[in-house]
Amino acid sequence: MEAAGWLIVGLGNPGPEYELSPHNRGFMVLDRIAEQNGIRISRPDSQALTGVGALKGTPVLLAKPQTYMNLSGGSVRQLMAKHEVPVSRVLVVYDDLDLPWGSVRIRLKGSPAGHNGMKSVSASLGSQEFPRLRVGVHPGHPLSGGTDFLLSPMKKALREELASLLDYASQAVEAVIAEGVEKAMTSYNRRAQGQNTEEA
């Protein structure tokens, strides 16, 4: 990792039972980025599976913490320290049940809201001043249990839309790396249906 590189973290839960759950969208986006850029996310490092490569000519370290979602921060902190990545170049990709299915929100900073993975990352880094990409996973109909939905395999109809959504989120990550967070926000933050203004 060069000093100008980025640490890109996807949040999720390890294990085959969670592989196709909405809560693992961060893992899925990183896998798609790796696939499209010839990067192998297979090297154990700091309680994560990692892969080194480049996006748009910029060195990156892709990381999928294997500590389970609510303990992800410890792995991220270790990776930052080991590879000397400043907090401003840590991009965290994760699911957000408050956003509609298919939406993407890039932000420069912010609170973790109710996301346990982001609570762990913010607490471990002692900061909320790092960029993040939130991927909307709300299916658009009332949910009897949000946790059950997040941790259960996606229904067939949602899985059929997954490829194009992962491509869009992957492109958004590449835009952050190549063009900067603010320009990527302008290009990729999708409006939820019925909204007149885009959320920052």
N, C-alpha and C. Protein backbone atom coordinates (compact mmCIF):
# COMPACT_ATOMS: atom_id res chain seq x y z
N MET A 1 0.84 -1.20 0.00
CA MET A 1 0.00 0.00 0.00
C MET A 1 0.87 1.25 0.00
N GLU A 2 0.61 2.12 -0.96
CA GLU A 2 1.29 3.40 -0.97
C GLU A 2 0.55 4.37 -0.06
N ALA A 3 1.25 5.46 0.29
CA ALA A 3 0.66 6.42 1.22
C ALA A 3 -0.63 7.02 0.67
N ALA A 4 -0.74 7.12 -0.65
CA ALA A 4 -1.91 7.75 -1.25
C ALA A 4 -3.05 6.76 -1.47
N GLY A 5 -2.89 5.50 -0.99
CA GLY A 5 -3.90 4.49 -1.25
C GLY A 5 -5.13 4.62 -0.37
N TRP A 6 -6.10 3.79 -0.67
CA TRP A 6 -7.36 3.77 0.07
C TRP A 6 -7.57 2.40 0.70
N LEU A 7 -8.21 2.40 1.85
CA LEU A 7 -8.73 1.18 2.47
C LEU A 7 -10.23 1.17 2.23
N ILE A 8 -10.71 0.18 1.49
CA ILE A 8 -12.13 0.07 1.18
C ILE A 8 -12.67 -1.14 1.94
N VAL A 9 -13.60 -0.89 2.85
CA VAL A 9 -14.11 -1.92 3.75
C VAL A 9 -15.56 -2.21 3.40
N GLY A 10 -15.87 -3.47 3.19
CA GLY A 10 -17.26 -3.89 3.04
C GLY A 10 -17.70 -4.59 4.31
N LEU A 11 -18.86 -4.20 4.82
CA LEU A 11 -19.36 -4.80 6.06
C LEU A 11 -20.32 -5.96 5.77
N GLY A 12 -20.22 -7.00 6.59
CA GLY A 12 -21.10 -8.16 6.44
C GLY A 12 -20.82 -9.15 7.54
N ASN A 13 -21.44 -10.30 7.44
CA ASN A 13 -21.24 -11.39 8.39
C ASN A 13 -20.64 -12.59 7.67
N PRO A 14 -19.58 -13.20 8.21
CA PRO A 14 -19.00 -14.38 7.57
C PRO A 14 -19.92 -15.59 7.70
N GLY A 15 -19.76 -16.53 6.79
CA GLY A 15 -20.53 -17.77 6.87
C GLY A 15 -21.52 -17.89 5.73
N PRO A 16 -21.71 -19.11 5.20
CA PRO A 16 -22.60 -19.31 4.06
C PRO A 16 -24.05 -18.96 4.34
N GLU A 17 -24.47 -19.06 5.59
CA GLU A 17 -25.87 -18.78 5.91
C GLU A 17 -26.23 -17.31 5.71
N TYR A 18 -25.22 -16.45 5.71
CA TYR A 18 -25.48 -15.01 5.53
C TYR A 18 -25.11 -14.50 4.13
N GLU A 19 -24.60 -15.39 3.30
CA GLU A 19 -23.99 -14.96 2.04
C GLU A 19 -24.94 -14.14 1.17
N LEU A 20 -26.21 -14.51 1.11
CA LEU A 20 -27.18 -13.82 0.24
C LEU A 20 -28.17 -12.98 1.04
N SER A 21 -27.79 -12.59 2.24
CA SER A 21 -28.68 -11.76 3.06
C SER A 21 -28.46 -10.28 2.73
N PRO A 22 -29.50 -9.46 2.84
CA PRO A 22 -29.34 -8.03 2.58
C PRO A 22 -28.26 -7.37 3.44
N HIS A 23 -28.06 -7.87 4.65
CA HIS A 23 -27.08 -7.28 5.57
C HIS A 23 -25.64 -7.47 5.07
N ASN A 24 -25.45 -8.35 4.09
CA ASN A 24 -24.13 -8.60 3.54
C ASN A 24 -23.86 -7.83 2.26
N ARG A 25 -24.62 -6.78 2.04
CA ARG A 25 -24.45 -6.04 0.79
C ARG A 25 -23.05 -5.44 0.68
N GLY A 26 -22.45 -5.05 1.78
CA GLY A 26 -21.08 -4.52 1.73
C GLY A 26 -20.11 -5.55 1.19
N PHE A 27 -20.21 -6.79 1.67
CA PHE A 27 -19.38 -7.88 1.15
C PHE A 27 -19.60 -8.05 -0.35
N MET A 28 -20.89 -8.03 -0.76
CA MET A 28 -21.23 -8.27 -2.16
C MET A 28 -20.62 -7.21 -3.08
N VAL A 29 -20.68 -5.96 -2.64
CA VAL A 29 -20.13 -4.88 -3.47
C VAL A 29 -18.62 -5.05 -3.61
N LEU A 30 -17.94 -5.39 -2.51
CA LEU A 30 -16.49 -5.58 -2.60
C LEU A 30 -16.14 -6.76 -3.50
N ASP A 31 -16.93 -7.83 -3.43
CA ASP A 31 -16.68 -8.96 -4.31
C ASP A 31 -16.83 -8.56 -5.78
N ARG A 32 -17.81 -7.73 -6.07
CA ARG A 32 -18.00 -7.29 -7.46
C ARG A 32 -16.84 -6.39 -7.90
N ILE A 33 -16.40 -5.49 -7.03
CA ILE A 33 -15.24 -4.64 -7.37
C ILE A 33 -14.02 -5.51 -7.64
N ALA A 34 -13.79 -6.49 -6.77
CA ALA A 34 -12.64 -7.38 -6.94
C ALA A 34 -12.71 -8.13 -8.26
N GLU A 35 -13.89 -8.65 -8.57
CA GLU A 35 -14.08 -9.41 -9.80
C GLU A 35 -13.79 -8.56 -11.04
N GLN A 36 -14.25 -7.33 -11.01
CA GLN A 36 -14.11 -6.47 -12.17
C GLN A 36 -12.71 -5.88 -12.31
N ASN A 37 -11.92 -5.94 -11.26
CA ASN A 37 -10.59 -5.32 -11.30
C ASN A 37 -9.46 -6.32 -11.07
N GLY A 38 -9.76 -7.60 -11.16
CA GLY A 38 -8.72 -8.61 -11.05
C GLY A 38 -8.04 -8.67 -9.70
N ILE A 39 -8.81 -8.46 -8.63
CA ILE A 39 -8.27 -8.49 -7.27
C ILE A 39 -8.82 -9.72 -6.55
N ARG A 40 -7.97 -10.42 -5.84
CA ARG A 40 -8.40 -11.58 -5.05
C ARG A 40 -8.51 -11.19 -3.58
N ILE A 41 -9.71 -11.30 -3.03
CA ILE A 41 -9.90 -11.01 -1.60
C ILE A 41 -9.79 -12.34 -0.85
N SER A 42 -8.57 -12.71 -0.51
CA SER A 42 -8.36 -14.02 0.09
C SER A 42 -7.28 -14.05 1.17
N ARG A 43 -6.56 -12.96 1.34
CA ARG A 43 -5.43 -12.95 2.26
C ARG A 43 -5.88 -12.55 3.67
N PRO A 44 -5.67 -13.41 4.67
CA PRO A 44 -6.02 -13.04 6.04
C PRO A 44 -5.12 -11.90 6.54
N ASP A 45 -5.72 -10.87 7.11
CA ASP A 45 -4.96 -9.73 7.61
C ASP A 45 -5.83 -9.00 8.63
N SER A 46 -5.39 -8.93 9.86
CA SER A 46 -6.07 -8.12 10.88
C SER A 46 -7.54 -8.50 11.02
N GLN A 47 -7.82 -9.78 11.14
CA GLN A 47 -9.18 -10.29 11.32
C GLN A 47 -10.08 -9.98 10.13
N ALA A 48 -9.49 -9.90 8.96
CA ALA A 48 -10.25 -9.65 7.74
C ALA A 48 -9.68 -10.47 6.60
N LEU A 49 -10.49 -10.68 5.56
CA LEU A 49 -9.97 -11.17 4.29
C LEU A 49 -9.70 -9.95 3.42
N THR A 50 -8.51 -9.89 2.83
CA THR A 50 -8.10 -8.68 2.13
C THR A 50 -7.57 -9.01 0.73
N GLY A 51 -7.53 -7.97 -0.09
CA GLY A 51 -6.93 -8.08 -1.41
C GLY A 51 -6.35 -6.74 -1.81
N VAL A 52 -5.16 -6.76 -2.40
CA VAL A 52 -4.47 -5.54 -2.81
C VAL A 52 -4.55 -5.41 -4.32
N GLY A 53 -4.83 -4.20 -4.79
CA GLY A 53 -4.88 -3.95 -6.22
C GLY A 53 -4.96 -2.47 -6.49
N ALA A 54 -5.59 -2.11 -7.60
CA ALA A 54 -5.71 -0.70 -7.98
C ALA A 54 -7.08 -0.46 -8.59
N LEU A 55 -7.64 0.71 -8.29
CA LEU A 55 -8.86 1.18 -8.92
C LEU A 55 -8.53 2.49 -9.62
N LYS A 56 -8.75 2.53 -10.92
CA LYS A 56 -8.48 3.75 -11.69
C LYS A 56 -7.06 4.26 -11.45
N GLY A 57 -6.12 3.33 -11.29
CA GLY A 57 -4.72 3.69 -11.12
C GLY A 57 -4.31 4.02 -9.70
N THR A 58 -5.25 3.98 -8.77
CA THR A 58 -4.95 4.29 -7.36
C THR A 58 -4.86 3.01 -6.55
N PRO A 59 -3.79 2.82 -5.77
CA PRO A 59 -3.68 1.61 -4.96
C PRO A 59 -4.79 1.52 -3.92
N VAL A 60 -5.34 0.31 -3.77
CA VAL A 60 -6.41 0.10 -2.80
C VAL A 60 -6.17 -1.21 -2.05
N LEU A 61 -6.66 -1.25 -0.83
CA LEU A 61 -6.73 -2.47 -0.05
C LEU A 61 -8.20 -2.74 0.21
N LEU A 62 -8.72 -3.83 -0.34
CA LEU A 62 -10.10 -4.23 -0.11
C LEU A 62 -10.14 -5.15 1.11
N ALA A 63 -11.11 -4.93 1.99
CA ALA A 63 -11.16 -5.71 3.22
C ALA A 63 -12.59 -6.08 3.59
N LYS A 64 -12.76 -7.35 3.98
CA LYS A 64 -14.04 -7.86 4.48
C LYS A 64 -13.80 -8.41 5.89
N PRO A 65 -14.06 -7.60 6.93
CA PRO A 65 -13.85 -8.08 8.30
C PRO A 65 -14.61 -9.39 8.56
N GLN A 66 -13.94 -10.32 9.24
CA GLN A 66 -14.53 -11.63 9.52
C GLN A 66 -14.93 -11.78 10.98
N THR A 67 -15.17 -10.66 11.65
CA THR A 67 -15.44 -10.66 13.09
C THR A 67 -16.92 -10.66 13.43
N TYR A 68 -17.77 -10.73 12.43
CA TYR A 68 -19.20 -10.47 12.52
C TYR A 68 -19.41 -8.96 12.61
N MET A 69 -20.59 -8.58 12.13
CA MET A 69 -20.89 -7.17 11.87
C MET A 69 -20.63 -6.26 13.06
N ASN A 70 -21.12 -6.64 14.24
CA ASN A 70 -21.08 -5.69 15.36
C ASN A 70 -19.70 -5.55 15.99
N LEU A 71 -18.69 -6.26 15.46
CA LEU A 71 -17.32 -6.12 15.96
C LEU A 71 -16.36 -5.69 14.85
N SER A 72 -16.90 -5.19 13.75
CA SER A 72 -16.07 -4.88 12.58
C SER A 72 -15.01 -3.82 12.84
N GLY A 73 -15.27 -2.92 13.76
CA GLY A 73 -14.38 -1.78 13.97
C GLY A 73 -12.97 -2.15 14.37
N GLY A 74 -12.82 -3.19 15.17
CA GLY A 74 -11.49 -3.58 15.61
C GLY A 74 -10.61 -3.96 14.43
N SER A 75 -11.17 -4.68 13.48
CA SER A 75 -10.43 -5.07 12.28
C SER A 75 -10.06 -3.85 11.46
N VAL A 76 -10.99 -2.93 11.29
CA VAL A 76 -10.72 -1.72 10.50
C VAL A 76 -9.61 -0.89 11.15
N ARG A 77 -9.66 -0.75 12.47
CA ARG A 77 -8.62 0.00 13.17
C ARG A 77 -7.24 -0.63 12.97
N GLN A 78 -7.17 -1.95 13.08
CA GLN A 78 -5.90 -2.65 12.89
C GLN A 78 -5.37 -2.46 11.47
N LEU A 79 -6.24 -2.56 10.49
CA LEU A 79 -5.82 -2.40 9.09
C LEU A 79 -5.32 -0.99 8.83
N MET A 80 -6.02 0.00 9.37
CA MET A 80 -5.59 1.40 9.21
C MET A 80 -4.18 1.60 9.77
N ALA A 81 -3.96 1.08 10.97
CA ALA A 81 -2.66 1.28 11.63
C ALA A 81 -1.55 0.54 10.88
N LYS A 82 -1.81 -0.70 10.52
CA LYS A 82 -0.79 -1.52 9.86
C LYS A 82 -0.38 -0.95 8.51
N HIS A 83 -1.36 -0.48 7.76
CA HIS A 83 -1.09 -0.02 6.39
C HIS A 83 -0.99 1.50 6.29
N GLU A 84 -1.03 2.17 7.44
CA GLU A 84 -0.82 3.63 7.51
C GLU A 84 -1.78 4.39 6.58
N VAL A 85 -3.05 4.04 6.70
CA VAL A 85 -4.08 4.72 5.90
C VAL A 85 -4.77 5.76 6.78
N PRO A 86 -4.82 7.02 6.37
CA PRO A 86 -5.52 8.04 7.16
C PRO A 86 -7.02 7.81 7.15
N VAL A 87 -7.70 8.28 8.18
CA VAL A 87 -9.13 8.04 8.30
C VAL A 87 -9.91 8.62 7.12
N SER A 88 -9.40 9.68 6.52
CA SER A 88 -10.08 10.30 5.38
C SER A 88 -10.05 9.44 4.14
N ARG A 89 -9.21 8.38 4.15
CA ARG A 89 -9.13 7.47 3.00
C ARG A 89 -9.60 6.06 3.36
N VAL A 90 -10.48 6.01 4.35
CA VAL A 90 -11.17 4.76 4.68
C VAL A 90 -12.60 4.89 4.18
N LEU A 91 -12.95 4.10 3.18
CA LEU A 91 -14.30 4.12 2.62
C LEU A 91 -15.03 2.86 3.06
N VAL A 92 -16.14 3.03 3.78
CA VAL A 92 -16.89 1.89 4.30
C VAL A 92 -18.17 1.73 3.49
N VAL A 93 -18.41 0.52 3.00
CA VAL A 93 -19.58 0.20 2.19
C VAL A 93 -20.48 -0.72 3.01
N TYR A 94 -21.76 -0.35 3.12
CA TYR A 94 -22.65 -1.14 3.97
C TYR A 94 -24.11 -0.96 3.57
N ASP A 95 -24.94 -1.88 4.03
CA ASP A 95 -26.38 -1.85 3.76
C ASP A 95 -27.06 -0.83 4.65
N ASP A 96 -28.21 -0.33 4.16
CA ASP A 96 -28.98 0.62 4.97
C ASP A 96 -30.47 0.34 4.77
N LEU A 97 -31.12 -0.11 5.84
CA LEU A 97 -32.55 -0.44 5.77
C LEU A 97 -33.42 0.81 5.72
N ASP A 98 -32.84 1.97 6.01
CA ASP A 98 -33.60 3.22 5.93
C ASP A 98 -33.69 3.75 4.51
N LEU A 99 -32.94 3.17 3.59
CA LEU A 99 -32.94 3.62 2.20
C LEU A 99 -33.64 2.60 1.32
N PRO A 100 -34.35 3.05 0.29
CA PRO A 100 -35.08 2.11 -0.58
C PRO A 100 -34.16 1.23 -1.40
N TRP A 101 -34.64 0.06 -1.72
CA TRP A 101 -33.91 -0.93 -2.50
C TRP A 101 -33.38 -0.29 -3.79
N GLY A 102 -32.10 -0.47 -4.05
CA GLY A 102 -31.51 0.04 -5.27
C GLY A 102 -30.91 1.43 -5.17
N SER A 103 -31.14 2.11 -4.04
CA SER A 103 -30.58 3.46 -3.89
C SER A 103 -29.15 3.38 -3.37
N VAL A 104 -28.39 4.42 -3.67
CA VAL A 104 -27.01 4.54 -3.21
C VAL A 104 -26.82 5.93 -2.63
N ARG A 105 -26.17 6.02 -1.48
CA ARG A 105 -25.87 7.31 -0.88
C ARG A 105 -24.40 7.35 -0.48
N ILE A 106 -23.68 8.30 -1.02
CA ILE A 106 -22.29 8.53 -0.65
C ILE A 106 -22.27 9.75 0.27
N ARG A 107 -21.52 9.65 1.37
CA ARG A 107 -21.40 10.78 2.29
C ARG A 107 -19.96 10.92 2.75
N LEU A 108 -19.58 12.15 3.05
CA LEU A 108 -18.22 12.43 3.54
C LEU A 108 -18.03 11.98 4.98
N LYS A 109 -19.12 12.01 5.75
CA LYS A 109 -19.05 11.69 7.18
C LYS A 109 -20.47 11.51 7.67
N GLY A 110 -20.63 11.19 8.94
CA GLY A 110 -21.97 11.09 9.50
C GLY A 110 -22.04 10.10 10.64
N SER A 111 -23.19 10.10 11.29
CA SER A 111 -23.40 9.20 12.42
C SER A 111 -23.75 7.81 11.90
N PRO A 112 -23.55 6.79 12.72
CA PRO A 112 -23.87 5.43 12.29
C PRO A 112 -25.36 5.11 12.31
N ALA A 113 -26.17 6.03 12.86
CA ALA A 113 -27.61 5.79 13.03
C ALA A 113 -27.78 4.47 13.77
N GLY A 114 -28.61 3.55 13.25
CA GLY A 114 -28.84 2.30 13.98
C GLY A 114 -28.04 1.13 13.48
N HIS A 115 -27.05 1.38 12.63
CA HIS A 115 -26.30 0.28 12.03
C HIS A 115 -25.19 -0.18 12.97
N ASN A 116 -25.28 -1.43 13.44
CA ASN A 116 -24.33 -1.92 14.44
C ASN A 116 -22.90 -1.98 13.91
N GLY A 117 -22.74 -2.33 12.65
CA GLY A 117 -21.40 -2.37 12.08
C GLY A 117 -20.75 -1.01 12.07
N MET A 118 -21.52 0.00 11.69
CA MET A 118 -20.99 1.36 11.66
C MET A 118 -20.77 1.92 13.07
N LYS A 119 -21.61 1.52 14.01
CA LYS A 119 -21.37 1.91 15.40
C LYS A 119 -20.01 1.39 15.86
N SER A 120 -19.69 0.16 15.51
CA SER A 120 -18.42 -0.44 15.90
C SER A 120 -17.25 0.27 15.22
N VAL A 121 -17.39 0.56 13.93
CA VAL A 121 -16.31 1.23 13.20
C VAL A 121 -16.07 2.62 13.77
N SER A 122 -17.13 3.40 13.97
CA SER A 122 -16.99 4.76 14.50
C SER A 122 -16.36 4.75 15.89
N ALA A 123 -16.80 3.81 16.74
CA ALA A 123 -16.26 3.74 18.10
C ALA A 123 -14.79 3.34 18.08
N SER A 124 -14.44 2.38 17.23
CA SER A 124 -13.06 1.90 17.20
C SER A 124 -12.11 2.94 16.61
N LEU A 125 -12.57 3.70 15.63
CA LEU A 125 -11.73 4.72 15.03
C LEU A 125 -11.75 6.02 15.83
N GLY A 126 -12.71 6.15 16.73
CA GLY A 126 -12.84 7.38 17.49
C GLY A 126 -13.20 8.56 16.61
N SER A 127 -13.92 8.29 15.53
CA SER A 127 -14.23 9.34 14.57
C SER A 127 -15.43 8.93 13.70
N GLN A 128 -16.17 9.93 13.26
CA GLN A 128 -17.19 9.73 12.25
C GLN A 128 -16.81 10.45 10.96
N GLU A 129 -15.56 10.93 10.92
CA GLU A 129 -15.09 11.74 9.80
C GLU A 129 -14.43 10.88 8.73
N PHE A 130 -15.16 9.90 8.24
CA PHE A 130 -14.64 9.08 7.15
C PHE A 130 -15.78 8.85 6.15
N PRO A 131 -15.43 8.74 4.86
CA PRO A 131 -16.47 8.57 3.85
C PRO A 131 -17.12 7.20 3.91
N ARG A 132 -18.36 7.15 3.47
CA ARG A 132 -19.09 5.89 3.47
C ARG A 132 -20.04 5.84 2.28
N LEU A 133 -20.35 4.63 1.86
CA LEU A 133 -21.32 4.41 0.79
C LEU A 133 -22.40 3.49 1.33
N ARG A 134 -23.60 4.02 1.43
CA ARG A 134 -24.74 3.26 1.95
C ARG A 134 -25.55 2.72 0.78
N VAL A 135 -25.86 1.44 0.84
CA VAL A 135 -26.63 0.79 -0.22
C VAL A 135 -28.01 0.45 0.33
N GLY A 136 -29.04 1.02 -0.26
CA GLY A 136 -30.39 0.80 0.23
C GLY A 136 -30.87 -0.62 0.04
N VAL A 137 -31.48 -1.18 1.09
CA VAL A 137 -31.96 -2.57 1.00
C VAL A 137 -33.43 -2.71 1.41
N HIS A 138 -34.13 -1.59 1.68
CA HIS A 138 -35.54 -1.72 2.05
C HIS A 138 -36.35 -2.15 0.83
N PRO A 139 -37.13 -3.23 0.94
CA PRO A 139 -37.80 -3.78 -0.25
C PRO A 139 -39.02 -3.01 -0.71
N GLY A 140 -39.45 -2.00 0.07
CA GLY A 140 -40.56 -1.18 -0.40
C GLY A 140 -41.92 -1.62 0.10
N HIS A 141 -41.96 -2.62 0.97
CA HIS A 141 -43.23 -3.04 1.58
C HIS A 141 -43.01 -3.17 3.08
N PRO A 142 -44.08 -3.11 3.85
CA PRO A 142 -43.93 -3.19 5.31
C PRO A 142 -43.22 -4.47 5.74
N LEU A 143 -42.34 -4.34 6.73
CA LEU A 143 -41.61 -5.48 7.25
C LEU A 143 -42.07 -5.80 8.66
N SER A 144 -42.36 -7.07 8.91
CA SER A 144 -42.77 -7.46 10.27
C SER A 144 -41.57 -7.52 11.21
N GLY A 145 -40.40 -7.78 10.64
CA GLY A 145 -39.19 -7.80 11.46
C GLY A 145 -37.99 -7.41 10.63
N GLY A 146 -37.42 -6.25 10.93
CA GLY A 146 -36.30 -5.77 10.15
C GLY A 146 -35.07 -6.65 10.26
N THR A 147 -34.80 -7.14 11.48
CA THR A 147 -33.62 -7.98 11.68
C THR A 147 -33.75 -9.29 10.92
N ASP A 148 -34.94 -9.89 10.96
CA ASP A 148 -35.16 -11.14 10.22
C ASP A 148 -34.94 -10.93 8.73
N PHE A 149 -35.43 -9.82 8.20
CA PHE A 149 -35.25 -9.53 6.77
C PHE A 149 -33.77 -9.36 6.44
N LEU A 150 -33.05 -8.63 7.27
CA LEU A 150 -31.65 -8.34 6.99
C LEU A 150 -30.78 -9.59 7.01
N LEU A 151 -31.11 -10.55 7.88
CA LEU A 151 -30.25 -11.71 8.07
C LEU A 151 -30.71 -12.95 7.31
N SER A 152 -31.83 -12.86 6.60
CA SER A 152 -32.35 -14.00 5.85
C SER A 152 -31.97 -13.89 4.38
N PRO A 153 -31.87 -15.02 3.66
CA PRO A 153 -31.57 -14.96 2.23
C PRO A 153 -32.61 -14.12 1.48
N MET A 154 -32.16 -13.38 0.50
CA MET A 154 -33.06 -12.56 -0.29
C MET A 154 -34.02 -13.42 -1.11
N LYS A 155 -35.23 -12.92 -1.30
CA LYS A 155 -36.20 -13.60 -2.14
C LYS A 155 -35.74 -13.54 -3.60
N LYS A 156 -36.28 -14.45 -4.40
CA LYS A 156 -35.85 -14.59 -5.79
C LYS A 156 -36.00 -13.28 -6.57
N ALA A 157 -37.11 -12.58 -6.37
CA ALA A 157 -37.35 -11.34 -7.12
C ALA A 157 -36.27 -10.31 -6.86
N LEU A 158 -35.83 -10.21 -5.61
CA LEU A 158 -34.77 -9.25 -5.27
C LEU A 158 -33.42 -9.71 -5.81
N ARG A 159 -33.17 -11.02 -5.76
CA ARG A 159 -31.90 -11.54 -6.28
C ARG A 159 -31.74 -11.27 -7.78
N GLU A 160 -32.86 -11.28 -8.49
CA GLU A 160 -32.80 -11.06 -9.94
C GLU A 160 -32.34 -9.66 -10.29
N GLU A 161 -32.52 -8.72 -9.37
CA GLU A 161 -32.10 -7.33 -9.61
C GLU A 161 -30.70 -7.06 -9.10
N LEU A 162 -30.11 -8.05 -8.45
CA LEU A 162 -28.89 -7.80 -7.69
C LEU A 162 -27.70 -7.42 -8.57
N ALA A 163 -27.53 -8.07 -9.71
CA ALA A 163 -26.34 -7.84 -10.54
C ALA A 163 -26.21 -6.38 -10.94
N SER A 164 -27.30 -5.79 -11.43
CA SER A 164 -27.23 -4.40 -11.87
C SER A 164 -27.01 -3.45 -10.70
N LEU A 165 -27.57 -3.78 -9.54
CA LEU A 165 -27.39 -2.93 -8.36
C LEU A 165 -25.95 -2.97 -7.87
N LEU A 166 -25.35 -4.16 -7.90
CA LEU A 166 -23.95 -4.28 -7.48
C LEU A 166 -23.04 -3.55 -8.46
N ASP A 167 -23.36 -3.62 -9.74
CA ASP A 167 -22.57 -2.88 -10.73
C ASP A 167 -22.61 -1.38 -10.45
N TYR A 168 -23.81 -0.87 -10.15
CA TYR A 168 -23.96 0.56 -9.90
C TYR A 168 -23.18 0.98 -8.66
N ALA A 169 -23.30 0.21 -7.59
CA ALA A 169 -22.57 0.53 -6.36
C ALA A 169 -21.06 0.44 -6.57
N SER A 170 -20.63 -0.54 -7.35
CA SER A 170 -19.20 -0.69 -7.63
C SER A 170 -18.66 0.51 -8.40
N GLN A 171 -19.43 0.95 -9.37
CA GLN A 171 -19.03 2.14 -10.14
C GLN A 171 -18.96 3.37 -9.25
N ALA A 172 -19.88 3.45 -8.28
CA ALA A 172 -19.87 4.58 -7.35
C ALA A 172 -18.60 4.57 -6.50
N VAL A 173 -18.18 3.39 -6.05
CA VAL A 173 -16.94 3.29 -5.28
C VAL A 173 -15.76 3.74 -6.14
N GLU A 174 -15.71 3.29 -7.37
CA GLU A 174 -14.61 3.68 -8.26
C GLU A 174 -14.61 5.19 -8.48
N ALA A 175 -15.80 5.79 -8.55
CA ALA A 175 -15.87 7.23 -8.73
C ALA A 175 -15.32 7.98 -7.52
N VAL A 176 -15.60 7.46 -6.32
CA VAL A 176 -15.04 8.08 -5.11
C VAL A 176 -13.52 8.08 -5.18
N ILE A 177 -12.95 6.96 -5.58
CA ILE A 177 -11.49 6.83 -5.64
C ILE A 177 -10.90 7.72 -6.72
N ALA A 178 -11.55 7.76 -7.88
CA ALA A 178 -10.97 8.46 -9.04
C ALA A 178 -11.27 9.95 -9.05
N GLU A 179 -12.46 10.33 -8.55
CA GLU A 179 -12.92 11.71 -8.72
C GLU A 179 -13.08 12.47 -7.41
N GLY A 180 -13.06 11.76 -6.29
CA GLY A 180 -13.29 12.40 -5.01
C GLY A 180 -14.72 12.20 -4.55
N VAL A 181 -14.92 12.33 -3.24
CA VAL A 181 -16.22 12.02 -2.65
C VAL A 181 -17.31 12.96 -3.15
N GLU A 182 -17.05 14.26 -3.17
CA GLU A 182 -18.11 15.21 -3.50
C GLU A 182 -18.58 15.07 -4.94
N LYS A 183 -17.66 14.87 -5.87
CA LYS A 183 -18.07 14.68 -7.26
C LYS A 183 -18.83 13.37 -7.44
N ALA A 184 -18.39 12.33 -6.74
CA ALA A 184 -19.09 11.06 -6.81
C ALA A 184 -20.50 11.17 -6.23
N MET A 185 -20.66 11.97 -5.19
CA MET A 185 -21.99 12.18 -4.62
C MET A 185 -22.93 12.77 -5.66
N THR A 186 -22.46 13.76 -6.39
CA THR A 186 -23.28 14.41 -7.41
C THR A 186 -23.68 13.43 -8.51
N SER A 187 -22.77 12.54 -8.87
CA SER A 187 -23.02 11.63 -9.98
C SER A 187 -23.85 10.41 -9.59
N TYR A 188 -23.70 9.93 -8.36
CA TYR A 188 -24.24 8.61 -8.03
C TYR A 188 -25.32 8.57 -6.96
N ASN A 189 -25.48 9.61 -6.17
CA ASN A 189 -26.53 9.55 -5.15
C ASN A 189 -27.88 9.56 -5.84
N ARG A 190 -28.59 8.46 -5.71
CA ARG A 190 -29.89 8.33 -6.37
C ARG A 190 -31.00 8.90 -5.50
N ARG A 191 -31.93 9.59 -6.14
CA ARG A 191 -33.11 10.05 -5.42
C ARG A 191 -34.05 8.88 -5.19
N ALA A 192 -34.59 8.84 -3.98
CA ALA A 192 -35.65 7.86 -3.73
C ALA A 192 -36.89 8.28 -4.53
N GLN A 193 -37.68 7.31 -4.95
CA GLN A 193 -38.85 7.61 -5.76
C GLN A 193 -39.78 8.57 -5.02
N GLY A 194 -40.16 9.63 -5.72
CA GLY A 194 -41.06 10.62 -5.15
C GLY A 194 -40.36 11.80 -4.51
N GLN A 195 -39.04 11.74 -4.33
CA GLN A 195 -38.30 12.85 -3.74
C GLN A 195 -37.93 13.85 -4.83
N ASN A 196 -37.93 15.12 -4.47
CA ASN A 196 -37.55 16.15 -5.43
C ASN A 196 -36.11 16.58 -5.29
N THR A 197 -35.51 16.27 -4.17
CA THR A 197 -34.12 16.66 -3.94
C THR A 197 -33.33 15.44 -3.55
N GLU A 198 -32.05 15.47 -3.84
CA GLU A 198 -31.20 14.36 -3.50
C GLU A 198 -30.67 14.50 -2.08
N GLU A 199 -30.53 13.40 -1.41
CA GLU A 199 -29.97 13.40 -0.05
C GLU A 199 -28.46 13.42 -0.14
N ALA A 200 -27.82 14.24 0.66
CA ALA A 200 -26.36 14.30 0.65
C ALA A 200 -25.78 13.10 1.35
